[in-house]
PDB file of N, CA and C in Angstrom:
ATOM      1  N   MET A   1      22.029   5.857  -2.438  1.00  0.00           N
ATOM      2  CA  MET A   1      20.810   4.980  -1.762  1.00  0.00           C
ATOM      3  C   MET A   1      20.873   4.096  -0.861  1.00  0.00           C
ATOM      4  N   THR A   2      20.715   4.209   0.367  1.00  0.00           N
ATOM      5  CA  THR A   2      21.222   2.250   1.228  1.00  0.00           C
ATOM      6  C   THR A   2      19.469   1.665   1.194  1.00  0.00           C
ATOM      7  N   ILE A   3      19.651   0.750   1.001  1.00  0.00           N
ATOM      8  CA  ILE A   3      18.651  -0.224   1.211  1.00  0.00           C
ATOM      9  C   ILE A   3      17.260  -0.370   2.338  1.00  0.00           C
ATOM     10  N   TYR A   4      18.179   0.681   3.221  1.00  0.00           N
ATOM     11  CA  TYR A   4      17.038   1.186   4.020  1.00  0.00           C
ATOM     12  C   TYR A   4      16.237   1.770   3.716  1.00  0.00           C
ATOM     13  N   ARG A   5      16.404   2.908   3.234  1.00  0.00           N
ATOM     14  CA  ARG A   5      15.818   4.416   2.430  1.00  0.00           C
ATOM     15  C   ARG A   5      15.023   3.868   1.129  1.00  0.00           C
ATOM     16  N   THR A   6      15.826   2.816   0.672  1.00  0.00           N
ATOM     17  CA  THR A   6      14.663   1.809  -0.756  1.00  0.00           C
ATOM     18  C   THR A   6      13.548   1.656   0.314  1.00  0.00           C
ATOM     19  N   THR A   7      13.437   0.325   1.134  1.00  0.00           N
ATOM     20  CA  THR A   7      12.751  -0.117   1.766  1.00  0.00           C
ATOM     21  C   THR A   7      11.695   1.166   2.482  1.00  0.00           C
ATOM     22  N   GLY A   8      12.109   1.906   2.997  1.00  0.00           N
ATOM     23  CA  GLY A   8      11.129   3.159   3.590  1.00  0.00           C
ATOM     24  C   GLY A   8      10.497   3.707   2.531  1.00  0.00           C
ATOM     25  N   PHE A   9      11.322   4.085   1.450  1.00  0.00           N
ATOM     26  CA  PHE A   9      10.600   4.915   0.441  1.00  0.00           C
ATOM     27  C   PHE A   9       9.280   4.053  -0.461  1.00  0.00           C
ATOM     28  N   LEU A  10       9.726   2.186  -0.390  1.00  0.00           N
ATOM     29  CA  LEU A  10       8.802   1.935  -1.201  1.00  0.00           C
ATOM     30  C   LEU A  10       7.674   1.296  -0.223  1.00  0.00           C
ATOM     31  N   ALA A  11       7.685   1.554   1.113  1.00  0.00           N
ATOM     32  CA  ALA A  11       6.478   1.239   2.062  1.00  0.00           C
ATOM     33  C   ALA A  11       6.066   2.685   2.025  1.00  0.00           C
ATOM     34  N   VAL A  12       6.535   3.473   1.988  1.00  0.00           N
ATOM     35  CA  VAL A  12       5.442   4.883   1.728  1.00  0.00           C
ATOM     36  C   VAL A  12       4.421   4.860   0.739  1.00  0.00           C
ATOM     37  N   PHE A  13       5.671   4.740  -0.599  1.00  0.00           N
ATOM     38  CA  PHE A  13       4.856   4.208  -2.107  1.00  0.00           C
ATOM     39  C   PHE A  13       3.793   3.324  -1.936  1.00  0.00           C
ATOM     40  N   PHE A  14       3.704   2.609  -1.504  1.00  0.00           N
ATOM     41  CA  PHE A  14       2.307   1.225  -1.097  1.00  0.00           C
ATOM     42  C   PHE A  14       1.470   1.655  -0.504  1.00  0.00           C
ATOM     43  N   LEU A  15       1.444   2.192   0.660  1.00  0.00           N
ATOM     44  CA  LEU A  15       0.819   2.716   1.425  1.00  0.00           C
ATOM     45  C   LEU A  15      -0.255   3.744   0.900  1.00  0.00           C
ATOM     46  N   THR A  16       0.745   5.034   0.252  1.00  0.00           N
ATOM     47  CA  THR A  16       0.120   5.759  -0.391  1.00  0.00           C
ATOM     48  C   THR A  16      -0.682   5.360  -1.908  1.00  0.00           C
ATOM     49  N   THR A  17      -0.464   4.257  -2.482  1.00  0.00           N
ATOM     50  CA  THR A  17      -1.275   3.836  -3.797  1.00  0.00           C
ATOM     51  C   THR A  17      -2.317   2.883  -2.927  1.00  0.00           C
ATOM     52  N   ALA A  18      -2.215   2.263  -1.587  1.00  0.00           N
ATOM     53  CA  ALA A  18      -3.482   1.773  -0.919  1.00  0.00           C
ATOM     54  C   ALA A  18      -4.809   2.827  -0.684  1.00  0.00           C
ATOM     55  N   ALA A  19      -4.042   3.719  -0.058  1.00  0.00           N
ATOM     56  CA  ALA A  19      -5.208   4.885   0.483  1.00  0.00           C
ATOM     57  C   ALA A  19      -5.585   5.705  -1.155  1.00  0.00           C
ATOM     58  N   LEU A  20      -4.400   6.008  -2.182  1.00  0.00           N
ATOM     59  CA  LEU A  20      -5.196   6.579  -3.332  1.00  0.00           C
ATOM     60  C   LEU A  20      -6.054   5.570  -3.936  1.00  0.00           C
ATOM     61  N   SER A  21      -6.321   4.213  -3.601  1.00  0.00           N
ATOM     62  CA  SER A  21      -7.022   3.363  -4.388  1.00  0.00           C
ATOM     63  C   SER A  21      -8.375   3.294  -3.479  1.00  0.00           C
ATOM     64  N   GLY A  22      -8.241   3.553  -2.287  1.00  0.00           N
ATOM     65  CA  GLY A  22      -9.463   3.252  -1.501  1.00  0.00           C
ATOM     66  C   GLY A  22     -10.589   4.782  -1.973  1.00  0.00           C
ATOM     67  N   VAL A  23      -9.441   6.012  -1.769  1.00  0.00           N
ATOM     68  CA  VAL A  23      -9.928   7.073  -2.450  1.00  0.00           C
ATOM     69  C   VAL A  23     -11.228   7.129  -3.808  1.00  0.00           C
ATOM     70  N   VAL A  24     -10.095   6.920  -4.724  1.00  0.00           N
ATOM     71  CA  VAL A  24     -10.782   6.204  -6.005  1.00  0.00           C
ATOM     72  C   VAL A  24     -12.244   5.931  -6.452  1.00  0.00           C
ATOM     73  N   TYR A  25     -11.678   4.620  -5.489  1.00  0.00           N
ATOM     74  CA  TYR A  25     -12.795   3.730  -5.738  1.00  0.00           C
ATOM     75  C   TYR A  25     -14.129   4.422  -5.644  1.00  0.00           C
ATOM     76  N   ARG A  26     -13.996   4.878  -4.331  1.00  0.00           N
ATOM     77  CA  ARG A  26     -15.065   5.880  -3.878  1.00  0.00           C
ATOM     78  C   ARG A  26     -16.049   6.629  -4.292  1.00  0.00           C
ATOM     79  N   LEU A  27     -14.632   7.719  -5.365  1.00  0.00           N
ATOM     80  CA  LEU A  27     -14.913   8.355  -5.976  1.00  0.00           C
ATOM     81  C   LEU A  27     -16.195   8.324  -7.404  1.00  0.00           C
ATOM     82  N   PHE A  28     -15.486   7.352  -7.532  1.00  0.00           N
ATOM     83  CA  PHE A  28     -16.122   6.396  -8.874  1.00  0.00           C
ATOM     84  C   PHE A  28     -17.706   6.128  -8.700  1.00  0.00           C
ATOM     85  N   GLU A  29     -18.647   6.509  -9.466  1.00  0.00           N
ATOM     86  CA  GLU A  29     -19.979   5.754  -9.351  1.00  0.00           C
ATOM     87  C   GLU A  29     -20.110   4.641  -9.847  1.00  0.00           C
ATOM     88  N   THR A  30     -20.935   3.911  -9.129  1.00  0.00           N
ATOM     89  CA  THR A  30     -20.926   2.561  -9.763  1.00  0.00           C
ATOM     90  C   THR A  30     -22.516   2.365  -9.994  1.00  0.00           C
ATOM     91  N   HIS A  31     -22.638   1.548 -11.002  1.00  0.00           N
ATOM     92  CA  HIS A  31     -23.867   1.480 -11.657  1.00  0.00           C
ATOM     93  C   HIS A  31     -24.476   0.211 -12.654  1.00  0.00           C
ATOM     94  N   VAL A  32     -25.399  -0.135 -12.799  1.00  0.00           N
ATOM     95  CA  VAL A  32     -25.947  -0.970 -13.692  1.00  0.00           C
ATOM     96  C   VAL A  32     -26.439  -0.315 -14.656  1.00  0.00           C
ATOM     97  N   ASP A  33     -25.998  -0.566 -16.294  1.00  0.00           N
ATOM     98  CA  ASP A  33     -26.628   0.125 -17.193  1.00  0.00           C
ATOM     99  C   ASP A  33     -28.143  -0.882 -17.377  1.00  0.00           C
ATOM    100  N   ALA A  34     -28.366  -0.497 -18.653  1.00  0.00           N
ATOM    101  CA  ALA A  34     -29.939  -1.046 -19.374  1.00  0.00           C
ATOM    102  C   ALA A  34     -29.883  -2.499 -19.970  1.00  0.00           C
ATOM    103  N   ARG A  35     -28.719  -2.941 -19.438  1.00  0.00           N
ATOM    104  CA  ARG A  35     -28.589  -4.527 -19.972  1.00  0.00           C
ATOM    105  C   ARG A  35     -28.635  -5.380 -18.623  1.00  0.00           C
ATOM    106  N   GLY A  36     -28.131  -4.860 -17.509  1.00  0.00           N
ATOM    107  CA  GLY A  36     -27.959  -5.493 -16.239  1.00  0.00           C
ATOM    108  C   GLY A  36     -26.583  -5.708 -15.658  1.00  0.00           C
ATOM    109  N   VAL A  37     -25.670  -4.923 -16.820  1.00  0.00           N
ATOM    110  CA  VAL A  37     -24.143  -4.950 -16.420  1.00  0.00           C
ATOM    111  C   VAL A  37     -23.707  -3.874 -15.179  1.00  0.00           C
ATOM    112  N   LEU A  38     -23.270  -4.617 -14.665  1.00  0.00           N
ATOM    113  CA  LEU A  38     -22.343  -3.673 -13.326  1.00  0.00           C
ATOM    114  C   LEU A  38     -21.471  -3.144 -14.017  1.00  0.00           C
ATOM    115  N   HIS A  39     -20.965  -1.734 -13.422  1.00  0.00           N
ATOM    116  CA  HIS A  39     -20.046  -1.067 -13.934  1.00  0.00           C
ATOM    117  C   HIS A  39     -19.421  -0.645 -12.454  1.00  0.00           C
ATOM    118  N   GLU A  40     -18.222  -0.918 -12.416  1.00  0.00           N
ATOM    119  CA  GLU A  40     -17.452  -0.485 -10.990  1.00  0.00           C
ATOM    120  C   GLU A  40     -16.187  -0.657 -11.350  1.00  0.00           C
ATOM    121  N   PRO A  41     -15.267   0.311 -10.804  1.00  0.00           N
ATOM    122  CA  PRO A  41     -14.085  -0.240 -11.104  1.00  0.00           C
ATOM    123  C   PRO A  41     -13.352  -0.827  -9.889  1.00  0.00           C
ATOM    124  N   PHE A  42     -13.576  -2.377  -9.839  1.00  0.00           N
ATOM    125  CA  PHE A  42     -13.603  -3.132  -9.256  1.00  0.00           C
ATOM    126  C   PHE A  42     -11.757  -3.914  -9.144  1.00  0.00           C
ATOM    127  N   VAL A  43     -11.321  -3.098 -10.319  1.00  0.00           N
ATOM    128  CA  VAL A  43      -9.795  -3.732 -10.025  1.00  0.00           C
ATOM    129  C   VAL A  43      -8.765  -2.933  -8.589  1.00  0.00           C
ATOM    130  N   LEU A  44      -9.772  -1.719  -8.317  1.00  0.00           N
ATOM    131  CA  LEU A  44      -9.129  -1.211  -7.504  1.00  0.00           C
ATOM    132  C   LEU A  44      -8.965  -1.384  -5.897  1.00  0.00           C
ATOM    133  N   ILE A  45     -10.012  -2.676  -5.530  1.00  0.00           N
ATOM    134  CA  ILE A  45     -10.230  -3.155  -4.519  1.00  0.00           C
ATOM    135  C   ILE A  45      -8.990  -4.324  -4.166  1.00  0.00           C
ATOM    136  N   PRO A  46      -8.432  -5.285  -5.190  1.00  0.00           N
ATOM    137  CA  PRO A  46      -7.610  -6.215  -4.704  1.00  0.00           C
ATOM    138  C   PRO A  46      -6.234  -5.103  -4.981  1.00  0.00           C
ATOM    139  N   LEU A  47      -6.229  -4.105  -5.384  1.00  0.00           N
ATOM    140  CA  LEU A  47      -5.421  -3.577  -5.766  1.00  0.00           C
ATOM    141  C   LEU A  47      -4.754  -2.712  -4.564  1.00  0.00           C
ATOM    142  N   GLY A  48      -5.605  -2.540  -3.771  1.00  0.00           N
ATOM    143  CA  GLY A  48      -5.464  -1.676  -2.576  1.00  0.00           C
ATOM    144  C   GLY A  48      -5.247  -2.079  -1.711  1.00  0.00           C
ATOM    145  N   TRP A  49      -5.792  -3.731  -1.492  1.00  0.00           N
ATOM    146  CA  TRP A  49      -5.364  -4.459  -0.281  1.00  0.00           C
ATOM    147  C   TRP A  49      -4.273  -4.786  -0.643  1.00  0.00           C
ATOM    148  N   LEU A  50      -3.646  -5.277  -1.749  1.00  0.00           N
ATOM    149  CA  LEU A  50      -2.240  -6.123  -1.999  1.00  0.00           C
ATOM    150  C   LEU A  50      -1.178  -4.641  -1.861  1.00  0.00           C
ATOM    151  N   SER A  51      -1.543  -3.650  -1.909  1.00  0.00           N
ATOM    152  CA  SER A  51      -0.441  -2.198  -1.720  1.00  0.00           C
ATOM    153  C   SER A  51      -0.566  -2.015  -0.247  1.00  0.00           C
ATOM    154  N   LEU A  52      -1.887  -2.274   0.495  1.00  0.00           N
ATOM    155  CA  LEU A  52      -1.641  -2.066   2.069  1.00  0.00           C
ATOM    156  C   LEU A  52      -0.820  -3.378   2.791  1.00  0.00           C
ATOM    157  N   ILE A  53      -1.247  -4.310   1.883  1.00  0.00           N
ATOM    158  CA  ILE A  53      -0.182  -5.671   2.775  1.00  0.00           C
ATOM    159  C   ILE A  53       1.258  -5.297   2.777  1.00  0.00           C
ATOM    160  N   LEU A  54       1.494  -4.779   1.321  1.00  0.00           N
ATOM    161  CA  LEU A  54       2.573  -4.872   0.913  1.00  0.00           C
ATOM    162  C   LEU A  54       3.630  -3.930   1.600  1.00  0.00           C
ATOM    163  N   GLY A  55       2.974  -2.962   1.467  1.00  0.00           N
ATOM    164  CA  GLY A  55       2.992  -1.421   2.849  1.00  0.00           C
ATOM    165  C   GLY A  55       3.965  -1.709   3.762  1.00  0.00           C
ATOM    166  N   LEU A  56       2.688  -2.192   4.877  1.00  0.00           N
ATOM    167  CA  LEU A  56       2.697  -3.138   6.182  1.00  0.00           C
ATOM    168  C   LEU A  56       3.866  -3.673   6.394  1.00  0.00           C
ATOM    169  N   VAL A  57       4.449  -4.765   5.303  1.00  0.00           N
ATOM    170  CA  VAL A  57       5.224  -5.902   5.510  1.00  0.00           C
ATOM    171  C   VAL A  57       6.650  -5.359   5.105  1.00  0.00           C
ATOM    172  N   LEU A  58       6.499  -4.215   4.397  1.00  0.00           N
ATOM    173  CA  LEU A  58       7.997  -3.622   3.905  1.00  0.00           C
ATOM    174  C   LEU A  58       8.262  -2.088   5.452  1.00  0.00           C
ATOM    175  N   LEU A  59       7.167  -1.419   5.922  1.00  0.00           N
ATOM    176  CA  LEU A  59       7.520  -0.685   7.276  1.00  0.00           C
ATOM    177  C   LEU A  59       7.846  -1.548   8.271  1.00  0.00           C
ATOM    178  N   LEU A  60       7.547  -2.855   8.600  1.00  0.00           N
ATOM    179  CA  LEU A  60       7.867  -3.558   9.969  1.00  0.00           C
ATOM    180  C   LEU A  60       8.947  -3.963   9.180  1.00  0.00           C
ATOM    181  N   ALA A  61       9.563  -4.014   8.143  1.00  0.00           N
ATOM    182  CA  ALA A  61      10.993  -4.673   7.879  1.00  0.00           C
ATOM    183  C   ALA A  61      12.060  -3.414   7.848  1.00  0.00           C
ATOM    184  N   CYS A  62      11.483  -2.786   7.450  1.00  0.00           N
ATOM    185  CA  CYS A  62      12.440  -1.228   8.016  1.00  0.00           C
ATOM    186  C   CYS A  62      12.070  -0.819   9.465  1.00  0.00           C
ATOM    187  N   VAL A  63      11.470  -0.566  10.011  1.00  0.00           N
ATOM    188  CA  VAL A  63      11.277  -0.690  11.608  1.00  0.00           C
ATOM    189  C   VAL A  63      12.251  -2.267  12.004  1.00  0.00           C
ATOM    190  N   GLY A  64      11.920  -2.714  11.662  1.00  0.00           N
ATOM    191  CA  GLY A  64      12.785  -3.995  12.228  1.00  0.00           C
ATOM    192  C   GLY A  64      14.469  -3.731  12.148  1.00  0.00           C
ATOM    193  N   ASN A  65      14.611  -3.602  10.840  1.00  0.00           N
ATOM    194  CA  ASN A  65      15.876  -2.997  10.759  1.00  0.00           C
ATOM    195  C   ASN A  65      16.826  -2.312  11.638  1.00  0.00           C
ATOM    196  N   TRP A  66      15.990  -0.539  11.385  1.00  0.00           N
ATOM    197  CA  TRP A  66      16.298   0.149  12.348  1.00  0.00           C
ATOM    198  C   TRP A  66      16.166  -0.160  14.042  1.00  0.00           C
ATOM    199  N   LEU A  67      15.630  -0.694  14.346  1.00  0.00           N
ATOM    200  CA  LEU A  67      15.960  -1.168  15.924  1.00  0.00           C
ATOM    201  C   LEU A  67      17.139  -1.958  15.674  1.00  0.00           C
ATOM    202  N   ALA A  68      17.310  -3.143  14.814  1.00  0.00           N
ATOM    203  CA  ALA A  68      18.520  -4.305  14.824  1.00  0.00           C
ATOM    204  C   ALA A  68      19.820  -3.181  14.947  1.00  0.00           C
ATOM    205  N   ARG A  69      19.463  -2.482  14.269  1.00  0.00           N
ATOM    206  CA  ARG A  69      21.179  -1.446  13.428  1.00  0.00           C
ATOM    207  C   ARG A  69      21.032  -0.694  15.075  1.00  0.00           C
ATOM    208  N   ARG A  70      20.026   0.101  15.378  1.00  0.00           N
ATOM    209  CA  ARG A  70      20.280   0.815  16.946  1.00  0.00           C
ATOM    210  C   ARG A  70      20.693  -0.072  17.704  1.00  0.00           C
ATOM    211  N   GLN A  71      20.021  -1.367  18.355  1.00  0.00           N
ATOM    212  CA  GLN A  71      20.910  -1.712  19.281  1.00  0.00           C
ATOM    213  C   GLN A  71      21.626  -2.512  19.081  1.00  0.00           C
ATOM    214  N   ARG A  72      22.497  -2.938  18.045  1.00  0.00           N
ATOM    215  CA  ARG A  72      23.902  -3.148  17.802  1.00  0.00           C
ATOM    216  C   ARG A  72      24.827  -1.822  18.247  1.00  0.00           C
ATOM    217  N   ARG A  73      24.308  -0.347  17.598  1.00  0.00           N
ATOM    218  CA  ARG A  73      25.231   0.366  18.189  1.00  0.00           C
ATOM    219  C   ARG A  73      25.404   0.590  19.649  1.00  0.00           C
ATOM    220  N   ARG A  74      24.200   0.277  20.510  1.00  0.00           N
ATOM    221  CA  ARG A  74      24.443   0.432  21.859  1.00  0.00           C
ATOM    222  C   ARG A  74      24.631  -0.845  22.477  1.00  0.00           C
ATOM    223  N   GLY A  75      25.078  -1.762  21.899  1.00  0.00           N
ATOM    224  CA  GLY A  75      25.806  -3.120  22.613  1.00  0.00           C
ATOM    225  C   GLY A  75      27.031  -3.755  22.182  1.00  0.00           C
TER     226      GLY A  75
END
């Protein structure tokens, strides 16, 4: 497996993780219990944003490498 395929796979993995984090966060019900404590899956918010940023950076790197290789083949 080449580095280009690995980068693409990781980009898709992180973007999927970001989407799933958002969906799961919306599915879980947030509520305040009798003692006034908020219960929500807060960890999914930063996990989703981090995954989204990593996925986009890796996707840009993958596309940039593909464009550079394509340019080298033509020129």
